[in-house]
C-alpha atoms as a PDB file:
ATOM      1  CA  UNK A   1     125.508 102.333 168.754  1.00  0.00           C
ATOM      2  CA  UNK A   2     126.039 101.904 172.440  1.00  0.00           C
ATOM      3  CA  UNK A   3     128.093 103.869 174.883  1.00  0.00           C
ATOM      4  CA  UNK A   4     130.015 103.022 177.978  1.00  0.00           C
ATOM      5  CA  UNK A   5     130.178 105.663 180.683  1.00  0.00           C
ATOM      6  CA  UNK A   6     133.426 104.316 182.118  1.00  0.00           C
ATOM      7  CA  UNK A   7     136.541 106.146 181.028  1.00  0.00           C
ATOM      8  CA  UNK A   8     138.627 103.653 179.050  1.00  0.00           C
ATOM      9  CA  UNK A   9     142.342 103.953 178.482  1.00  0.00           C
ATOM     10  CA  UNK A  10     142.935 106.565 175.750  1.00  0.00           C
ATOM     11  CA  UNK A  11     144.979 104.064 173.722  1.00  0.00           C
ATOM     12  CA  UNK A  12     142.095 101.570 173.705  1.00  0.00           C
ATOM     13  CA  UNK A  13     140.800 101.271 170.136  1.00  0.00           C
ATOM     14  CA  UNK A  14     139.026  97.888 170.381  1.00  0.00           C
ATOM     15  CA  UNK A  15     137.061  96.277 173.145  1.00  0.00           C
ATOM     16  CA  UNK A  16     137.457  92.696 174.345  1.00  0.00           C
ATOM     17  CA  UNK A  17     135.237  91.456 171.489  1.00  0.00           C
ATOM     18  CA  UNK A  18     137.428  93.117 168.849  1.00  0.00           C
ATOM     19  CA  UNK A  19     134.876  95.858 168.162  1.00  0.00           C
ATOM     20  CA  UNK A  20     136.225  99.224 166.965  1.00  0.00           C
ATOM     21  CA  UNK A  21     135.547 102.056 169.386  1.00  0.00           C
ATOM     22  CA  UNK A  22     135.955 105.815 169.435  1.00  0.00           C
ATOM     23  CA  UNK A  23     137.453 106.763 172.764  1.00  0.00           C
ATOM     24  CA  UNK A  24     136.602 110.038 174.444  1.00  0.00           C
ATOM     25  CA  UNK A  25     137.366 111.403 177.882  1.00  0.00           C
ATOM     26  CA  UNK A  26     134.031 110.279 179.283  1.00  0.00           C
ATOM     27  CA  UNK A  27     132.692 107.553 177.022  1.00  0.00           C
ATOM     28  CA  UNK A  28     133.346 105.397 174.030  1.00  0.00           C
ATOM     29  CA  UNK A  29     131.130 104.916 171.006  1.00  0.00           C
ATOM     30  CA  UNK A  30     131.168 101.432 169.560  1.00  0.00           C
ATOM     31  CA  UNK A  31     131.531 100.873 165.824  1.00  0.00           C
ATOM     32  CA  UNK A  32     130.585  97.243 165.251  1.00  0.00           C
ATOM     33  CA  UNK A  33     132.450  95.198 162.686  1.00  0.00           C
ATOM     34  CA  UNK A  34     130.030  93.419 160.406  1.00  0.00           C
ATOM     35  CA  UNK A  35     130.682  89.823 159.516  1.00  0.00           C
ATOM     36  CA  UNK A  36     130.715  89.113 155.782  1.00  0.00           C
ATOM     37  CA  UNK A  37     127.383  87.312 156.077  1.00  0.00           C
ATOM     38  CA  UNK A  38     125.846  90.428 157.688  1.00  0.00           C
ATOM     39  CA  UNK A  39     126.868  92.749 154.843  1.00  0.00           C
ATOM     40  CA  UNK A  40     124.297  93.435 152.187  1.00  0.00           C
ATOM     41  CA  UNK A  41     126.463  93.374 149.070  1.00  0.00           C
ATOM     42  CA  UNK A  42     123.873  92.275 146.539  1.00  0.00           C
ATOM     43  CA  UNK A  43     122.713  94.566 143.769  1.00  0.00           C
ATOM     44  CA  UNK A  44     119.718  96.798 144.348  1.00  0.00           C
ATOM     45  CA  UNK A  45     118.775  98.053 140.897  1.00  0.00           C
ATOM     46  CA  UNK A  46     115.502  99.673 141.942  1.00  0.00           C
ATOM     47  CA  UNK A  47     117.116 101.568 144.824  1.00  0.00           C
ATOM     48  CA  UNK A  48     120.135 102.593 142.785  1.00  0.00           C
ATOM     49  CA  UNK A  49     117.930 103.704 139.922  1.00  0.00           C
ATOM     50  CA  UNK A  50     115.905 105.742 142.417  1.00  0.00           C
ATOM     51  CA  UNK A  51     119.081 107.296 143.797  1.00  0.00           C
ATOM     52  CA  UNK A  52     120.180 108.384 140.328  1.00  0.00           C
ATOM     53  CA  UNK A  53     116.692 109.769 139.625  1.00  0.00           C
ATOM     54  CA  UNK A  54     117.125 112.025 142.673  1.00  0.00           C
ATOM     55  CA  UNK A  55     120.565 113.062 141.404  1.00  0.00           C
ATOM     56  CA  UNK A  56     119.065 113.850 137.973  1.00  0.00           C
ATOM     57  CA  UNK A  57     116.411 116.036 139.623  1.00  0.00           C
ATOM     58  CA  UNK A  58     119.018 117.865 141.743  1.00  0.00           C
ATOM     59  CA  UNK A  59     121.211 118.283 138.660  1.00  0.00           C
ATOM     60  CA  UNK A  60     118.326 119.814 136.665  1.00  0.00           C
ATOM     61  CA  UNK A  61     117.451 122.166 139.523  1.00  0.00           C
ATOM     62  CA  UNK A  62     121.042 123.315 140.037  1.00  0.00           C
ATOM     63  CA  UNK A  63     121.657 123.646 136.287  1.00  0.00           C
ATOM     64  CA  UNK A  64     118.662 125.955 135.955  1.00  0.00           C
ATOM     65  CA  UNK A  65     119.786 128.024 138.947  1.00  0.00           C
ATOM     66  CA  UNK A  66     123.407 128.243 137.835  1.00  0.00           C
ATOM     67  CA  UNK A  67     122.381 129.198 134.277  1.00  0.00           C
ATOM     68  CA  UNK A  68     120.403 132.057 135.771  1.00  0.00           C
ATOM     69  CA  UNK A  69     123.467 133.399 137.566  1.00  0.00           C
ATOM     70  CA  UNK A  70     125.869 132.680 134.703  1.00  0.00           C
ATOM     71  CA  UNK A  71     128.063 130.185 136.535  1.00  0.00           C
ATOM     72  CA  UNK A  72     129.083 126.724 135.253  1.00  0.00           C
ATOM     73  CA  UNK A  73     127.607 123.879 137.302  1.00  0.00           C
ATOM     74  CA  UNK A  74     130.659 121.601 137.232  1.00  0.00           C
ATOM     75  CA  UNK A  75     133.055 124.215 138.601  1.00  0.00           C
ATOM     76  CA  UNK A  76     130.782 125.178 141.458  1.00  0.00           C
ATOM     77  CA  UNK A  77     129.838 121.560 142.179  1.00  0.00           C
ATOM     78  CA  UNK A  78     133.485 120.488 142.501  1.00  0.00           C
ATOM     79  CA  UNK A  79     133.991 123.323 144.977  1.00  0.00           C
ATOM     80  CA  UNK A  80     130.872 122.047 146.791  1.00  0.00           C
ATOM     81  CA  UNK A  81     132.471 118.577 147.074  1.00  0.00           C
ATOM     82  CA  UNK A  82     135.503 120.171 148.748  1.00  0.00           C
ATOM     83  CA  UNK A  83     133.310 122.198 151.081  1.00  0.00           C
ATOM     84  CA  UNK A  84     131.445 119.071 152.133  1.00  0.00           C
ATOM     85  CA  UNK A  85     134.739 117.194 152.626  1.00  0.00           C
ATOM     86  CA  UNK A  86     135.760 119.881 155.117  1.00  0.00           C
ATOM     87  CA  UNK A  87     132.523 119.287 156.987  1.00  0.00           C
ATOM     88  CA  UNK A  88     133.352 115.563 157.140  1.00  0.00           C
ATOM     89  CA  UNK A  89     136.699 116.420 158.710  1.00  0.00           C
ATOM     90  CA  UNK A  90     135.002 118.706 161.219  1.00  0.00           C
ATOM     91  CA  UNK A  91     132.473 116.004 162.109  1.00  0.00           C
ATOM     92  CA  UNK A  92     135.189 113.387 162.561  1.00  0.00           C
ATOM     93  CA  UNK A  93     137.126 115.683 164.885  1.00  0.00           C
ATOM     94  CA  UNK A  94     133.867 116.279 166.763  1.00  0.00           C
ATOM     95  CA  UNK A  95     133.168 112.553 167.099  1.00  0.00           C
ATOM     96  CA  UNK A  96     136.687 111.960 168.387  1.00  0.00           C
ATOM     97  CA  UNK A  97     136.560 114.946 170.742  1.00  0.00           C
ATOM     98  CA  UNK A  98     139.868 116.083 169.229  1.00  0.00           C
ATOM     99  CA  UNK A  99     139.291 119.785 169.897  1.00  0.00           C
ATOM    100  CA  UNK A 100     139.814 120.360 173.638  1.00  0.00           C
ATOM    101  CA  UNK A 101     137.744 123.537 173.472  1.00  0.00           C
ATOM    102  CA  UNK A 102     134.709 121.763 171.980  1.00  0.00           C
ATOM    103  CA  UNK A 103     135.084 118.201 173.247  1.00  0.00           C
ATOM    104  CA  UNK A 104     132.749 115.659 171.698  1.00  0.00           C
ATOM    105  CA  UNK A 105     130.595 117.891 169.517  1.00  0.00           C
ATOM    106  CA  UNK A 106     129.302 115.476 166.851  1.00  0.00           C
ATOM    107  CA  UNK A 107     127.692 112.064 166.775  1.00  0.00           C
ATOM    108  CA  UNK A 108     128.404 109.170 164.474  1.00  0.00           C
ATOM    109  CA  UNK A 109     125.105 110.010 162.736  1.00  0.00           C
ATOM    110  CA  UNK A 110     126.448 113.541 162.091  1.00  0.00           C
ATOM    111  CA  UNK A 111     129.568 112.047 160.511  1.00  0.00           C
ATOM    112  CA  UNK A 112     127.508 109.678 158.381  1.00  0.00           C
ATOM    113  CA  UNK A 113     125.322 112.554 157.187  1.00  0.00           C
ATOM    114  CA  UNK A 114     128.355 114.601 156.182  1.00  0.00           C
ATOM    115  CA  UNK A 115     129.813 111.624 154.306  1.00  0.00           C
ATOM    116  CA  UNK A 116     126.507 111.295 152.450  1.00  0.00           C
ATOM    117  CA  UNK A 117     126.663 114.998 151.564  1.00  0.00           C
ATOM    118  CA  UNK A 118     130.108 114.468 149.966  1.00  0.00           C
ATOM    119  CA  UNK A 119     128.834 111.467 148.020  1.00  0.00           C
ATOM    120  CA  UNK A 120     125.742 113.340 146.843  1.00  0.00           C
ATOM    121  CA  UNK A 121     127.693 116.427 145.782  1.00  0.00           C
ATOM    122  CA  UNK A 122     130.145 114.226 143.871  1.00  0.00           C
ATOM    123  CA  UNK A 123     127.298 112.328 142.195  1.00  0.00           C
ATOM    124  CA  UNK A 124     125.812 115.616 140.968  1.00  0.00           C
ATOM    125  CA  UNK A 125     129.229 116.707 139.654  1.00  0.00           C
ATOM    126  CA  UNK A 126     129.645 113.345 137.893  1.00  0.00           C
ATOM    127  CA  UNK A 127     126.160 113.712 136.397  1.00  0.00           C
ATOM    128  CA  UNK A 128     127.247 117.030 134.891  1.00  0.00           C
ATOM    129  CA  UNK A 129     129.993 115.240 132.927  1.00  0.00           C
ATOM    130  CA  UNK A 130     127.867 112.432 131.444  1.00  0.00           C
ATOM    131  CA  UNK A 131     124.240 111.548 130.763  1.00  0.00           C
ATOM    132  CA  UNK A 132     124.900 108.064 132.255  1.00  0.00           C
ATOM    133  CA  UNK A 133     126.768 108.599 135.520  1.00  0.00           C
ATOM    134  CA  UNK A 134     125.693 105.193 136.854  1.00  0.00           C
ATOM    135  CA  UNK A 135     127.592 103.421 134.046  1.00  0.00           C
ATOM    136  CA  UNK A 136     130.689 105.566 134.637  1.00  0.00           C
ATOM    137  CA  UNK A 137     130.590 104.889 138.377  1.00  0.00           C
ATOM    138  CA  UNK A 138     130.016 101.153 137.885  1.00  0.00           C
ATOM    139  CA  UNK A 139     132.985 100.913 135.516  1.00  0.00           C
ATOM    140  CA  UNK A 140     135.168 102.915 137.894  1.00  0.00           C
ATOM    141  CA  UNK A 141     134.157 100.844 140.918  1.00  0.00           C
ATOM    142  CA  UNK A 142     135.297  97.675 139.142  1.00  0.00           C
ATOM    143  CA  UNK A 143     138.880  98.878 139.615  1.00  0.00           C
ATOM    144  CA  UNK A 144     138.273  99.350 143.356  1.00  0.00           C
ATOM    145  CA  UNK A 145     137.028  95.805 143.906  1.00  0.00           C
ATOM    146  CA  UNK A 146     139.546  93.892 146.031  1.00  0.00           C
ATOM    147  CA  UNK A 147     141.366  91.272 143.990  1.00  0.00           C
ATOM    148  CA  UNK A 148     141.485  87.643 144.935  1.00  0.00           C
ATOM    149  CA  UNK A 149     144.975  86.147 145.444  1.00  0.00           C
ATOM    150  CA  UNK A 150     146.554  85.541 142.053  1.00  0.00           C
ATOM    151  CA  UNK A 151     143.954  87.603 140.187  1.00  0.00           C
ATOM    152  CA  UNK A 152     145.458  90.068 137.677  1.00  0.00           C
ATOM    153  CA  UNK A 153     144.827  93.811 138.108  1.00  0.00           C
ATOM    154  CA  UNK A 154     141.853  95.350 136.323  1.00  0.00           C
ATOM    155  CA  UNK A 155     142.569  97.920 133.600  1.00  0.00           C
END
């Protein structure tokens, strides 16, 4: 991420190279567009398996804790997803400097971290509904895949 200390026009949302930017009163933060050949879209089974192992461990830990206090994990975890979503909104407003009292109060890294918190909380909630959350997520993601022209809808 780079910044420009010149004050760009507030309506400016791309630079001359077509790169997305966040515009603030004093600087802009560049969000580069990745070319298709720069995106890593290939499967990573070892990494994904490791991610789900972490989710399983968090799920076990939270299940034990919640059992001790007599509260159902799924209910509290869904509320946790909503709480984290609010923190994403707060971080986005902070990145954009949308609150005149606070100005730019968050970085893009803060926003990314909050987005990861939402994803993680949702993964734990999904894990509470099935012993194989990876299979459920994979099947669900198939419906999100962009269709090619003329390709029929999935499901």
